[in-house]
C-alpha atoms as a PDB file:
ATOM      1  CA  MET A   1       0.000   0.000   0.000  1.00  0.00           C
ATOM      2  CA  ASP A   2       2.801   2.405   0.903  1.00  0.00           C
ATOM      3  CA  ARG A   3       4.637   1.689  -2.348  1.00  0.00           C
ATOM      4  CA  ILE A   4       1.591   2.516  -4.469  1.00  0.00           C
ATOM      5  CA  LEU A   5       0.778   5.653  -2.522  1.00  0.00           C
ATOM      6  CA  GLY A   6       4.436   6.641  -2.505  1.00  0.00           C
ATOM      7  CA  GLY A   7       4.722   6.264  -6.274  1.00  0.00           C
ATOM      8  CA  THR A   8       7.189   3.368  -6.211  1.00  0.00           C
ATOM      9  CA  PRO A   9       5.183   0.247  -7.119  1.00  0.00           C
ATOM     10  CA  GLU A  10       7.127  -2.941  -7.774  1.00  0.00           C
ATOM     11  CA  HIS A  11       4.458  -5.400  -8.934  1.00  0.00           C
ATOM     12  CA  SER A  12       1.646  -3.209 -10.301  1.00  0.00           C
ATOM     13  CA  ASN A  13       0.969  -0.173 -12.453  1.00  0.00           C
ATOM     14  CA  GLY A  14       0.636   2.032  -9.362  1.00  0.00           C
ATOM     15  CA  ALA A  15      -2.984   3.034  -9.944  1.00  0.00           C
ATOM     16  CA  PRO A  16      -5.072   3.703  -6.817  1.00  0.00           C
ATOM     17  CA  THR A  17      -7.260   0.624  -7.361  1.00  0.00           C
ATOM     18  CA  THR A  18      -7.891  -2.649  -5.580  1.00  0.00           C
ATOM     19  CA  VAL A  19      -6.574  -4.465  -8.647  1.00  0.00           C
ATOM     20  CA  ALA A  20      -3.237  -2.662  -8.368  1.00  0.00           C
ATOM     21  CA  LEU A  21      -3.150  -3.100  -4.595  1.00  0.00           C
ATOM     22  CA  ALA A  22      -3.770  -6.837  -4.921  1.00  0.00           C
ATOM     23  CA  ALA A  23      -1.067  -7.126  -7.582  1.00  0.00           C
ATOM     24  CA  GLU A  24       1.343  -5.136  -5.439  1.00  0.00           C
ATOM     25  CA  VAL A  25       0.919  -7.393  -2.403  1.00  0.00           C
ATOM     26  CA  GLN A  26       0.620 -10.448  -4.664  1.00  0.00           C
ATOM     27  CA  VAL A  27      -2.745 -11.727  -3.425  1.00  0.00           C
ATOM     28  CA  PRO A  28      -5.944 -12.445  -5.369  1.00  0.00           C
ATOM     29  CA  ARG A  29      -8.165  -9.388  -5.806  1.00  0.00           C
ATOM     30  CA  ASN A  30     -11.101 -11.085  -4.108  1.00  0.00           C
ATOM     31  CA  ALA A  31      -8.998 -11.400  -0.945  1.00  0.00           C
ATOM     32  CA  LEU A  32      -9.174  -7.605  -0.676  1.00  0.00           C
ATOM     33  CA  THR A  33     -12.723  -7.109  -1.874  1.00  0.00           C
ATOM     34  CA  GLN A  34     -14.316  -9.896   0.168  1.00  0.00           C
ATOM     35  CA  ARG A  35     -12.159 -10.869   3.133  1.00  0.00           C
ATOM     36  CA  HIS A  36     -10.080  -7.781   3.892  1.00  0.00           C
ATOM     37  CA  THR A  37     -12.501  -4.962   3.225  1.00  0.00           C
ATOM     38  CA  ASP A  38     -10.900  -2.986   6.059  1.00  0.00           C
ATOM     39  CA  LEU A  39      -7.606  -2.869   4.132  1.00  0.00           C
ATOM     40  CA  LYS A  40      -9.386  -1.863   0.943  1.00  0.00           C
ATOM     41  CA  SER A  41     -11.225   0.937   2.767  1.00  0.00           C
ATOM     42  CA  ASP A  42      -8.020   2.106   4.436  1.00  0.00           C
ATOM     43  CA  PHE A  43      -6.270   2.170   1.056  1.00  0.00           C
ATOM     44  CA  TYR A  44      -9.030   4.253  -0.549  1.00  0.00           C
ATOM     45  CA  ASP A  45      -9.120   6.627   2.454  1.00  0.00           C
ATOM     46  CA  ARG A  46      -5.374   7.155   2.281  1.00  0.00           C
ATOM     47  CA  ALA A  47      -5.485   7.636  -1.502  1.00  0.00           C
ATOM     48  CA  ARG A  48      -8.232  10.274  -1.158  1.00  0.00           C
ATOM     49  CA  ALA A  49      -6.259  12.032   1.579  1.00  0.00           C
ATOM     50  CA  ARG A  50      -3.376  12.352  -0.882  1.00  0.00           C
ATOM     51  CA  GLY A  51      -5.691  13.767  -3.531  1.00  0.00           C
ATOM     52  CA  GLN A  52      -5.883  10.581  -5.602  1.00  0.00           C
ATOM     53  CA  ILE A  53      -9.350   9.471  -6.612  1.00  0.00           C
ATOM     54  CA  PRO A  54      -9.794   5.713  -7.146  1.00  0.00           C
ATOM     55  CA  ASP A  55     -10.582   4.757 -10.750  1.00  0.00           C
ATOM     56  CA  SER A  56     -13.916   3.222  -9.756  1.00  0.00           C
ATOM     57  CA  GLU A  57     -15.021   6.488  -8.139  1.00  0.00           C
ATOM     58  CA  ARG A  58     -13.759   8.523 -11.109  1.00  0.00           C
ATOM     59  CA  ARG A  59     -15.755   6.358 -13.551  1.00  0.00           C
ATOM     60  CA  LEU A  60     -18.869   6.589 -11.379  1.00  0.00           C
ATOM     61  CA  ARG A  61     -18.587  10.385 -11.198  1.00  0.00           C
ATOM     62  CA  GLN A  62     -18.238  10.560 -15.002  1.00  0.00           C
ATOM     63  CA  GLN A  63     -21.332   8.400 -15.424  1.00  0.00           C
ATOM     64  CA  VAL A  64     -23.309  10.604 -13.017  1.00  0.00           C
ATOM     65  CA  ARG A  65     -22.264  13.718 -14.986  1.00  0.00           C
ATOM     66  CA  ARG A  66     -23.285  12.099 -18.285  1.00  0.00           C
ATOM     67  CA  LEU A  67     -26.663  11.086 -16.889  1.00  0.00           C
ATOM     68  CA  ALA A  68     -27.234  14.546 -15.412  1.00  0.00           C
ATOM     69  CA  ASP A  69     -26.386  16.141 -18.761  1.00  0.00           C
ATOM     70  CA  PHE A  70     -28.675  13.714 -20.542  1.00  0.00           C
ATOM     71  CA  SER A  71     -31.597  14.315 -18.180  1.00  0.00           C
ATOM     72  CA  SER A  72     -31.199  18.099 -18.403  1.00  0.00           C
ATOM     73  CA  SER A  73     -31.139  17.983 -22.215  1.00  0.00           C
ATOM     74  CA  GLY A  74     -34.920  17.798 -22.296  1.00  0.00           C
ATOM     75  CA  LEU A  75     -35.134  14.576 -24.254  1.00  0.00           C
ATOM     76  CA  PRO A  76     -38.250  12.504 -23.616  1.00  0.00           C
ATOM     77  CA  THR A  77     -37.796   9.551 -21.314  1.00  0.00           C
ATOM     78  CA  ARG A  78     -38.610   6.006 -22.307  1.00  0.00           C
ATOM     79  CA  ARG A  79     -41.864   4.669 -20.901  1.00  0.00           C
ATOM     80  CA  LYS A  80     -42.872   1.083 -20.293  1.00  0.00           C
ATOM     81  CA  SER A  81     -45.081  -0.433 -22.934  1.00  0.00           C
ATOM     82  CA  PRO A  82     -48.673  -1.234 -21.926  1.00  0.00           C
ATOM     83  CA  SER A  83     -47.996  -4.965 -22.216  1.00  0.00           C
ATOM     84  CA  SER A  84     -45.125  -4.832 -19.699  1.00  0.00           C
ATOM     85  CA  ARG A  85     -47.291  -2.919 -17.223  1.00  0.00           C
ATOM     86  CA  SER A  86     -50.094  -5.439 -17.448  1.00  0.00           C
ATOM     87  CA  MET A  87     -47.648  -8.300 -16.902  1.00  0.00           C
ATOM     88  CA  SER A  88     -46.313  -6.732 -13.719  1.00  0.00           C
ATOM     89  CA  ARG A  89     -49.786  -6.772 -12.153  1.00  0.00           C
ATOM     90  CA  HIS A  90     -49.972 -10.557 -12.414  1.00  0.00           C
ATOM     91  CA  TRP A  91     -46.810 -11.202 -10.439  1.00  0.00           C
END
């Protein structure tokens, strides 16, 4: 974690992601995302404190901006067809 945040990765590309962190410590990614969520959270907190935004958060923010731009463009929204509404009543 310190190597990535310090800019001296040895086994990864140095990106502030769980994929890079897992590669850096040479463990499977799911070990961080499922078993050691505290380490993953600590890594993201420390990356944010240094001004680095994790790639997953950056992509999510871009998607939110695109959706906000799309919704403010005044385009009509897609509505459910009558047949799909009638089917939902029978469930």
